[in-house]
Amino acid sequence: MLYGQVSIDPEIMSGAPVFTGTKVPIKNIFDYLEGGEGLAEFLNDFPSVTKEASLAVLEMAKKSLMTEKVLHENFA
């Protein structure tokens, strides 16, 4: 299934969400940021992921955390 810049396919990375057209798990960008690395370091280490794709995924995460319904369903 495709969700913009996110792809989920049981045949790719055991179904973990990845950047569309790559085998790079979405989790990686959040791990980099959580570890204090910047977007530039992430993009340098994963050249198959574009800056546009990275920013789109971060925007998706931001939007999902801006709704009370999502917060309540996932974190309450």
PDB file of N, CA and C in Angstrom:
ATOM      1  N   MET A   1       0.844  -1.179   0.000  1.00  0.00           N
ATOM      2  CA  MET A   1       0.000   0.000   0.000  1.00  0.00           C
ATOM      3  C   MET A   1       0.884   1.234   0.000  1.00  0.00           C
ATOM      4  N   LEU A   2       0.454   2.233  -0.728  1.00  0.00           N
ATOM      5  CA  LEU A   2       1.179   3.489  -0.778  1.00  0.00           C
ATOM      6  C   LEU A   2       0.418   4.560  -0.011  1.00  0.00           C
ATOM      7  N   TYR A   3       1.146   5.284   0.792  1.00  0.00           N
ATOM      8  CA  TYR A   3       0.609   6.425   1.536  1.00  0.00           C
ATOM      9  C   TYR A   3       1.539   7.599   1.271  1.00  0.00           C
ATOM     10  N   GLY A   4       1.420   8.199   0.114  1.00  0.00           N
ATOM     11  CA  GLY A   4       2.326   9.296  -0.234  1.00  0.00           C
ATOM     12  C   GLY A   4       3.745   8.776  -0.346  1.00  0.00           C
ATOM     13  N   GLN A   5       4.620   9.243   0.516  1.00  0.00           N
ATOM     14  CA  GLN A   5       6.024   8.840   0.491  1.00  0.00           C
ATOM     15  C   GLN A   5       6.300   7.619   1.351  1.00  0.00           C
ATOM     16  N   VAL A   6       5.243   6.978   1.846  1.00  0.00           N
ATOM     17  CA  VAL A   6       5.390   5.790   2.687  1.00  0.00           C
ATOM     18  C   VAL A   6       4.794   4.590   1.959  1.00  0.00           C
ATOM     19  N   SER A   7       5.550   3.511   1.952  1.00  0.00           N
ATOM     20  CA  SER A   7       5.092   2.280   1.321  1.00  0.00           C
ATOM     21  C   SER A   7       5.133   1.154   2.350  1.00  0.00           C
ATOM     22  N   ILE A   8       4.094   0.312   2.329  1.00  0.00           N
ATOM     23  CA  ILE A   8       4.058  -0.859   3.195  1.00  0.00           C
ATOM     24  C   ILE A   8       3.768  -2.063   2.314  1.00  0.00           C
ATOM     25  N   ASP A   9       4.724  -2.972   2.276  1.00  0.00           N
ATOM     26  CA  ASP A   9       4.621  -4.164   1.441  1.00  0.00           C
ATOM     27  C   ASP A   9       5.229  -5.328   2.223  1.00  0.00           C
ATOM     28  N   PRO A  10       4.463  -6.394   2.450  1.00  0.00           N
ATOM     29  CA  PRO A  10       5.003  -7.515   3.218  1.00  0.00           C
ATOM     30  C   PRO A  10       6.268  -8.128   2.607  1.00  0.00           C
ATOM     31  N   GLU A  11       6.494  -7.876   1.324  1.00  0.00           N
ATOM     32  CA  GLU A  11       7.676  -8.413   0.640  1.00  0.00           C
ATOM     33  C   GLU A  11       8.910  -7.532   0.819  1.00  0.00           C
ATOM     34  N   ILE A  12       8.735  -6.326   1.349  1.00  0.00           N
ATOM     35  CA  ILE A  12       9.856  -5.392   1.535  1.00  0.00           C
ATOM     36  C   ILE A  12      10.016  -5.117   3.017  1.00  0.00           C
ATOM     37  N   MET A  13      11.187  -5.433   3.549  1.00  0.00           N
ATOM     38  CA  MET A  13      11.522  -5.189   4.958  1.00  0.00           C
ATOM     39  C   MET A  13      10.457  -5.745   5.903  1.00  0.00           C
ATOM     40  N   SER A  14       9.937  -6.925   5.552  1.00  0.00           N
ATOM     41  CA  SER A  14       8.933  -7.629   6.373  1.00  0.00           C
ATOM     42  C   SER A  14       7.691  -6.797   6.659  1.00  0.00           C
ATOM     43  N   GLY A  15       7.374  -5.872   5.769  1.00  0.00           N
ATOM     44  CA  GLY A  15       6.169  -5.060   5.918  1.00  0.00           C
ATOM     45  C   GLY A  15       6.340  -3.807   6.746  1.00  0.00           C
ATOM     46  N   ALA A  16       7.559  -3.511   7.166  1.00  0.00           N
ATOM     47  CA  ALA A  16       7.796  -2.263   7.898  1.00  0.00           C
ATOM     48  C   ALA A  16       7.567  -1.093   6.945  1.00  0.00           C
ATOM     49  N   PRO A  17       7.003   0.007   7.431  1.00  0.00           N
ATOM     50  CA  PRO A  17       6.840   1.186   6.569  1.00  0.00           C
ATOM     51  C   PRO A  17       8.207   1.698   6.108  1.00  0.00           C
ATOM     52  N   VAL A  18       8.339   1.891   4.799  1.00  0.00           N
ATOM     53  CA  VAL A  18       9.590   2.378   4.213  1.00  0.00           C
ATOM     54  C   VAL A  18       9.305   3.586   3.332  1.00  0.00           C
ATOM     55  N   PHE A  19      10.361   4.317   3.024  1.00  0.00           N
ATOM     56  CA  PHE A  19      10.228   5.397   2.049  1.00  0.00           C
ATOM     57  C   PHE A  19       9.916   4.762   0.697  1.00  0.00           C
ATOM     58  N   THR A  20       8.906   5.268   0.024  1.00  0.00           N
ATOM     59  CA  THR A  20       8.469   4.716  -1.255  1.00  0.00           C
ATOM     60  C   THR A  20       9.643   4.593  -2.225  1.00  0.00           C
ATOM     61  N   GLY A  21       9.758   3.426  -2.841  1.00  0.00           N
ATOM     62  CA  GLY A  21      10.809   3.176  -3.821  1.00  0.00           C
ATOM     63  C   GLY A  21      12.150   2.803  -3.213  1.00  0.00           C
ATOM     64  N   THR A  22      12.200   2.617  -1.888  1.00  0.00           N
ATOM     65  CA  THR A  22      13.449   2.254  -1.214  1.00  0.00           C
ATOM     66  C   THR A  22      13.188   1.102  -0.253  1.00  0.00           C
ATOM     67  N   LYS A  23      14.244   0.666   0.400  1.00  0.00           N
ATOM     68  CA  LYS A  23      14.139  -0.293   1.499  1.00  0.00           C
ATOM     69  C   LYS A  23      14.526   0.374   2.814  1.00  0.00           C
ATOM     70  N   VAL A  24      14.439   1.687   2.856  1.00  0.00           N
ATOM     71  CA  VAL A  24      14.819   2.448   4.047  1.00  0.00           C
ATOM     72  C   VAL A  24      13.593   2.616   4.947  1.00  0.00           C
ATOM     73  N   PRO A  25      13.627   2.013   6.138  1.00  0.00           N
ATOM     74  CA  PRO A  25      12.497   2.149   7.050  1.00  0.00           C
ATOM     75  C   PRO A  25      12.268   3.594   7.484  1.00  0.00           C
ATOM     76  N   ILE A  26      11.007   3.972   7.581  1.00  0.00           N
ATOM     77  CA  ILE A  26      10.634   5.305   8.048  1.00  0.00           C
ATOM     78  C   ILE A  26      11.205   5.547   9.441  1.00  0.00           C
ATOM     79  N   LYS A  27      11.254   4.494  10.243  1.00  0.00           N
ATOM     80  CA  LYS A  27      11.775   4.594  11.607  1.00  0.00           C
ATOM     81  C   LYS A  27      13.167   5.224  11.643  1.00  0.00           C
ATOM     82  N   ASN A  28      13.960   4.980  10.606  1.00  0.00           N
ATOM     83  CA  ASN A  28      15.336   5.478  10.597  1.00  0.00           C
ATOM     84  C   ASN A  28      15.423   6.992  10.737  1.00  0.00           C
ATOM     85  N   ILE A  29      14.551   7.731  10.062  1.00  0.00           N
ATOM     86  CA  ILE A  29      14.646   9.187  10.143  1.00  0.00           C
ATOM     87  C   ILE A  29      14.364   9.659  11.562  1.00  0.00           C
ATOM     88  N   PHE A  30      13.413   9.014  12.228  1.00  0.00           N
ATOM     89  CA  PHE A  30      13.103   9.399  13.603  1.00  0.00           C
ATOM     90  C   PHE A  30      14.225   8.987  14.553  1.00  0.00           C
ATOM     91  N   ASP A  31      14.859   7.854  14.296  1.00  0.00           N
ATOM     92  CA  ASP A  31      16.006   7.438  15.107  1.00  0.00           C
ATOM     93  C   ASP A  31      17.153   8.442  14.974  1.00  0.00           C
ATOM     94  N   TYR A  32      17.399   8.904  13.764  1.00  0.00           N
ATOM     95  CA  TYR A  32      18.450   9.900  13.544  1.00  0.00           C
ATOM     96  C   TYR A  32      18.151  11.177  14.313  1.00  0.00           C
ATOM     97  N   LEU A  33      16.942  11.665  14.170  1.00  0.00           N
ATOM     98  CA  LEU A  33      16.582  12.918  14.839  1.00  0.00           C
ATOM     99  C   LEU A  33      16.615  12.753  16.356  1.00  0.00           C
ATOM    100  N   GLU A  34      16.125  11.635  16.832  1.00  0.00           N
ATOM    101  CA  GLU A  34      16.137  11.371  18.271  1.00  0.00           C
ATOM    102  C   GLU A  34      17.568  11.295  18.808  1.00  0.00           C
ATOM    103  N   GLY A  35      18.467  10.785  18.000  1.00  0.00           N
ATOM    104  CA  GLY A  35      19.872  10.665  18.392  1.00  0.00           C
ATOM    105  C   GLY A  35      20.667  11.942  18.239  1.00  0.00           C
ATOM    106  N   GLY A  36      20.012  13.019  17.822  1.00  0.00           N
ATOM    107  CA  GLY A  36      20.696  14.304  17.698  1.00  0.00           C
ATOM    108  C   GLY A  36      21.309  14.577  16.340  1.00  0.00           C
ATOM    109  N   GLU A  37      21.107  13.674  15.419  1.00  0.00           N
ATOM    110  CA  GLU A  37      21.609  13.886  14.051  1.00  0.00           C
ATOM    111  C   GLU A  37      20.622  14.772  13.297  1.00  0.00           C
ATOM    112  N   GLY A  38      21.106  15.441  12.291  1.00  0.00           N
ATOM    113  CA  GLY A  38      20.252  16.301  11.487  1.00  0.00           C
ATOM    114  C   GLY A  38      19.779  15.617  10.224  1.00  0.00           C
ATOM    115  N   LEU A  39      18.896  16.298   9.526  1.00  0.00           N
ATOM    116  CA  LEU A  39      18.375  15.772   8.272  1.00  0.00           C
ATOM    117  C   LEU A  39      19.498  15.558   7.261  1.00  0.00           C
ATOM    118  N   ALA A  40      20.468  16.454   7.246  1.00  0.00           N
ATOM    119  CA  ALA A  40      21.579  16.328   6.291  1.00  0.00           C
ATOM    120  C   ALA A  40      22.348  15.028   6.502  1.00  0.00           C
ATOM    121  N   GLU A  41      22.586  14.646   7.754  1.00  0.00           N
ATOM    122  CA  GLU A  41      23.289  13.401   8.038  1.00  0.00           C
ATOM    123  C   GLU A  41      22.466  12.195   7.586  1.00  0.00           C
ATOM    124  N   PHE A  42      21.161  12.261   7.854  1.00  0.00           N
ATOM    125  CA  PHE A  42      20.285  11.179   7.420  1.00  0.00           C
ATOM    126  C   PHE A  42      20.335  11.023   5.905  1.00  0.00           C
ATOM    127  N   LEU A  43      20.183  12.129   5.194  1.00  0.00           N
ATOM    128  CA  LEU A  43      20.183  12.077   3.730  1.00  0.00           C
ATOM    129  C   LEU A  43      21.522  11.612   3.183  1.00  0.00           C
ATOM    130  N   ASN A  44      22.597  11.988   3.849  1.00  0.00           N
ATOM    131  CA  ASN A  44      23.930  11.561   3.425  1.00  0.00           C
ATOM    132  C   ASN A  44      24.096  10.049   3.587  1.00  0.00           C
ATOM    133  N   ASP A  45      23.563   9.505   4.678  1.00  0.00           N
ATOM    134  CA  ASP A  45      23.692   8.077   4.940  1.00  0.00           C
ATOM    135  C   ASP A  45      22.705   7.224   4.145  1.00  0.00           C
ATOM    136  N   PHE A  46      21.628   7.838   3.684  1.00  0.00           N
ATOM    137  CA  PHE A  46      20.610   7.120   2.910  1.00  0.00           C
ATOM    138  C   PHE A  46      20.324   7.882   1.607  1.00  0.00           C
ATOM    139  N   PRO A  47      21.250   7.825   0.658  1.00  0.00           N
ATOM    140  CA  PRO A  47      21.113   8.617  -0.570  1.00  0.00           C
ATOM    141  C   PRO A  47      19.918   8.245  -1.438  1.00  0.00           C
ATOM    142  N   SER A  48      19.304   7.091  -1.199  1.00  0.00           N
ATOM    143  CA  SER A  48      18.125   6.722  -1.990  1.00  0.00           C
ATOM    144  C   SER A  48      16.875   7.471  -1.533  1.00  0.00           C
ATOM    145  N   VAL A  49      16.957   8.144  -0.378  1.00  0.00           N
ATOM    146  CA  VAL A  49      15.830   8.925   0.140  1.00  0.00           C
ATOM    147  C   VAL A  49      16.054  10.395  -0.223  1.00  0.00           C
ATOM    148  N   THR A  50      15.066  11.014  -0.834  1.00  0.00           N
ATOM    149  CA  THR A  50      15.198  12.420  -1.208  1.00  0.00           C
ATOM    150  C   THR A  50      14.830  13.334  -0.039  1.00  0.00           C
ATOM    151  N   LYS A  51      15.311  14.537  -0.122  1.00  0.00           N
ATOM    152  CA  LYS A  51      14.953  15.536   0.896  1.00  0.00           C
ATOM    153  C   LYS A  51      13.450  15.754   0.891  1.00  0.00           C
ATOM    154  N   GLU A  52      12.853  15.805  -0.288  1.00  0.00           N
ATOM    155  CA  GLU A  52      11.417  16.020  -0.412  1.00  0.00           C
ATOM    156  C   GLU A  52      10.636  14.896   0.270  1.00  0.00           C
ATOM    157  N   ALA A  53      11.076  13.652   0.070  1.00  0.00           N
ATOM    158  CA  ALA A  53      10.405  12.511   0.703  1.00  0.00           C
ATOM    159  C   ALA A  53      10.534  12.590   2.220  1.00  0.00           C
ATOM    160  N   SER A  54      11.722  12.948   2.694  1.00  0.00           N
ATOM    161  CA  SER A  54      11.949  13.073   4.136  1.00  0.00           C
ATOM    162  C   SER A  54      11.050  14.142   4.743  1.00  0.00           C
ATOM    163  N   LEU A  55      10.993  15.291   4.100  1.00  0.00           N
ATOM    164  CA  LEU A  55      10.156  16.376   4.612  1.00  0.00           C
ATOM    165  C   LEU A  55       8.681  16.010   4.564  1.00  0.00           C
ATOM    166  N   ALA A  56       8.275  15.281   3.533  1.00  0.00           N
ATOM    167  CA  ALA A  56       6.872  14.851   3.435  1.00  0.00           C
ATOM    168  C   ALA A  56       6.517  13.902   4.573  1.00  0.00           C
ATOM    169  N   VAL A  57       7.415  12.986   4.907  1.00  0.00           N
ATOM    170  CA  VAL A  57       7.158  12.048   6.003  1.00  0.00           C
ATOM    171  C   VAL A  57       7.104  12.787   7.338  1.00  0.00           C
ATOM    172  N   LEU A  58       8.001  13.730   7.540  1.00  0.00           N
ATOM    173  CA  LEU A  58       7.969  14.520   8.780  1.00  0.00           C
ATOM    174  C   LEU A  58       6.676  15.331   8.875  1.00  0.00           C
ATOM    175  N   GLU A  59       6.218  15.847   7.747  1.00  0.00           N
ATOM    176  CA  GLU A  59       4.955  16.590   7.737  1.00  0.00           C
ATOM    177  C   GLU A  59       3.779  15.666   8.047  1.00  0.00           C
ATOM    178  N   MET A  60       3.806  14.444   7.529  1.00  0.00           N
ATOM    179  CA  MET A  60       2.752  13.472   7.843  1.00  0.00           C
ATOM    180  C   MET A  60       2.722  13.199   9.350  1.00  0.00           C
ATOM    181  N   ALA A  61       3.885  13.031   9.944  1.00  0.00           N
ATOM    182  CA  ALA A  61       3.955  12.770  11.383  1.00  0.00           C
ATOM    183  C   ALA A  61       3.436  13.973  12.164  1.00  0.00           C
ATOM    184  N   LYS A  62       3.811  15.153  11.736  1.00  0.00           N
ATOM    185  CA  LYS A  62       3.352  16.373  12.406  1.00  0.00           C
ATOM    186  C   LYS A  62       1.836  16.472  12.353  1.00  0.00           C
ATOM    187  N   LYS A  63       1.275  16.255  11.176  1.00  0.00           N
ATOM    188  CA  LYS A  63      -0.180  16.345  11.026  1.00  0.00           C
ATOM    189  C   LYS A  63      -0.893  15.297  11.868  1.00  0.00           C
ATOM    190  N   SER A  64      -0.313  14.103  11.940  1.00  0.00           N
ATOM    191  CA  SER A  64      -0.972  13.053  12.714  1.00  0.00           C
ATOM    192  C   SER A  64      -0.963  13.359  14.204  1.00  0.00           C
ATOM    193  N   LEU A  65       0.007  14.115  14.659  1.00  0.00           N
ATOM    194  CA  LEU A  65       0.080  14.462  16.076  1.00  0.00           C
ATOM    195  C   LEU A  65      -0.668  15.750  16.410  1.00  0.00           C
ATOM    196  N   MET A  66      -1.277  16.334  15.425  1.00  0.00           N
ATOM    197  CA  MET A  66      -1.997  17.597  15.642  1.00  0.00           C
ATOM    198  C   MET A  66      -3.498  17.368  15.834  1.00  0.00           C
ATOM    199  N   THR A  67      -3.931  16.109  15.819  1.00  0.00           N
ATOM    200  CA  THR A  67      -5.348  15.848  16.006  1.00  0.00           C
ATOM    201  C   THR A  67      -5.574  15.112  17.316  1.00  0.00           C
ATOM    202  N   GLU A  68      -6.541  15.565  18.077  1.00  0.00           N
ATOM    203  CA  GLU A  68      -6.831  14.960  19.370  1.00  0.00           C
ATOM    204  C   GLU A  68      -7.257  13.502  19.213  1.00  0.00           C
ATOM    205  N   LYS A  69      -7.996  13.201  18.134  1.00  0.00           N
ATOM    206  CA  LYS A  69      -8.466  11.838  17.910  1.00  0.00           C
ATOM    207  C   LYS A  69      -7.281  10.880  17.806  1.00  0.00           C
ATOM    208  N   VAL A  70      -6.292  11.223  17.006  1.00  0.00           N
ATOM    209  CA  VAL A  70      -5.126  10.351  16.833  1.00  0.00           C
ATOM    210  C   VAL A  70      -4.378  10.224  18.156  1.00  0.00           C
ATOM    211  N   LEU A  71      -4.193  11.314  18.849  1.00  0.00           N
ATOM    212  CA  LEU A  71      -3.498  11.270  20.124  1.00  0.00           C
ATOM    213  C   LEU A  71      -4.229  10.374  21.111  1.00  0.00           C
ATOM    214  N   HIS A  72      -5.547  10.521  21.179  1.00  0.00           N
ATOM    215  CA  HIS A  72      -6.325   9.723  22.111  1.00  0.00           C
ATOM    216  C   HIS A  72      -6.264   8.234  21.750  1.00  0.00           C
ATOM    217  N   GLU A  73      -6.386   7.918  20.469  1.00  0.00           N
ATOM    218  CA  GLU A  73      -6.399   6.526  20.034  1.00  0.00           C
ATOM    219  C   GLU A  73      -5.055   5.845  20.228  1.00  0.00           C
ATOM    220  N   ASN A  74      -3.983   6.589  20.135  1.00  0.00           N
ATOM    221  CA  ASN A  74      -2.659   5.982  20.161  1.00  0.00           C
ATOM    222  C   ASN A  74      -1.851   6.195  21.434  1.00  0.00           C
ATOM    223  N   PHE A  75      -2.180   7.224  22.202  1.00  0.00           N
ATOM    224  CA  PHE A  75      -1.312   7.559  23.325  1.00  0.00           C
ATOM    225  C   PHE A  75      -2.034   7.747  24.653  1.00  0.00           C
ATOM    226  N   ALA A  76      -3.365   7.651  24.680  1.00  0.00           N
ATOM    227  CA  ALA A  76      -4.094   7.869  25.935  1.00  0.00           C
ATOM    228  C   ALA A  76      -4.092   6.614  26.778  1.00  0.00           C
TER     229      ALA A  76
END
